[in-house]
Amino acid sequence: MVSQRVFSLLGQTLKLETRADVDKHFKDFDVDNVEEIIMGGNTIGVEASLALAERLQKAKKLKVSITYLL
C-alpha cells in the first residue's frame, strides 16, 4: 500500500460512476494515514460517492474533507 498524507485527483476530469471506478484509484492507497483528499474537477456519481464514503469512514487522521474547486 502507498502511504501518503494527501490524496489528489484534482483536475483529472474523471467520470467516477461505480464502485469499481473508485476502487481503481484507491486500490493501493492507505486511507488510514490520509489527512487531506482533493477531488476537484471530476464528476462523482451516486454509487461512486457511496463507495468513497465507505472508504473515508476508515480515515482516522482526515483533517480536510473532500475539496471541490469550481
Protein backbone atom coordinates (compact mmCIF):
# COMPACT_ATOMS: atom_id res chain seq x y z
CA MET A 1 0.00 0.00 0.00
CA VAL A 2 1.10 3.56 -0.68
CA SER A 3 1.29 5.64 2.49
CA GLN A 4 0.77 9.34 1.92
CA ARG A 5 -0.90 12.23 3.69
CA VAL A 6 -2.55 13.95 0.70
CA PHE A 7 -4.55 12.13 -1.96
CA SER A 8 -5.46 14.19 -5.01
CA LEU A 9 -7.34 13.53 -8.22
CA LEU A 10 -7.58 17.30 -8.83
CA GLY A 11 -8.42 18.31 -12.38
CA GLN A 12 -8.21 14.88 -13.97
CA THR A 13 -11.73 15.24 -15.43
CA LEU A 14 -12.61 11.73 -14.30
CA LYS A 15 -16.16 10.43 -14.50
CA LEU A 16 -16.48 8.19 -11.43
CA GLU A 17 -19.83 6.42 -11.56
CA THR A 18 -19.34 3.00 -9.98
CA ARG A 19 -17.60 1.36 -7.03
CA ALA A 20 -15.09 -0.09 -9.50
CA ASP A 21 -14.26 3.41 -10.76
CA VAL A 22 -13.38 4.48 -7.20
CA ASP A 23 -11.58 1.24 -6.35
CA LYS A 24 -9.12 1.53 -9.22
CA HIS A 25 -7.91 4.91 -7.92
CA PHE A 26 -7.78 3.86 -4.25
CA LYS A 27 -6.66 0.22 -4.61
CA ASP A 28 -3.08 0.82 -3.42
CA PHE A 29 -3.84 3.77 -1.18
CA ASP A 30 -3.56 3.57 2.62
CA VAL A 31 -6.60 5.53 3.80
CA ASP A 32 -5.53 5.15 7.45
CA ASN A 33 -2.88 7.89 7.13
CA VAL A 34 -4.58 10.35 4.78
CA GLU A 35 -5.04 13.89 6.11
CA GLU A 36 -6.42 15.59 3.01
CA ILE A 37 -8.37 14.43 -0.04
CA ILE A 38 -8.80 16.66 -3.09
CA MET A 39 -11.32 15.60 -5.74
CA GLY A 40 -12.00 18.88 -7.60
CA GLY A 41 -12.53 18.87 -11.35
CA ASN A 42 -14.11 15.42 -11.52
CA THR A 43 -17.65 14.06 -11.75
CA ILE A 44 -18.75 11.67 -8.99
CA GLY A 45 -21.98 9.70 -9.30
CA VAL A 46 -24.16 8.28 -6.53
CA GLU A 47 -22.69 4.75 -6.43
CA ALA A 48 -19.14 6.11 -6.56
CA SER A 49 -19.94 8.61 -3.79
CA LEU A 50 -21.20 5.82 -1.55
CA ALA A 51 -18.06 3.76 -2.21
CA LEU A 52 -15.87 6.76 -1.46
CA ALA A 53 -17.78 7.48 1.76
CA GLU A 54 -17.30 3.87 2.91
CA ARG A 55 -13.54 4.19 2.38
CA LEU A 56 -13.36 7.56 4.15
CA GLN A 57 -15.12 6.22 7.23
CA LYS A 58 -11.85 4.37 7.93
CA ALA A 59 -9.74 7.55 7.70
CA LYS A 60 -8.81 8.30 11.32
CA LYS A 61 -6.46 11.24 10.58
CA LEU A 62 -8.54 13.10 7.99
CA LYS A 63 -8.30 16.87 8.61
CA VAL A 64 -9.57 18.32 5.35
CA SER A 65 -12.62 16.69 3.82
CA ILE A 66 -13.12 16.28 0.11
CA THR A 67 -12.38 19.59 -1.55
CA TYR A 68 -14.34 20.68 -4.60
CA LEU A 69 -12.86 23.51 -6.62
CA LEU A 70 -15.00 25.15 -9.27
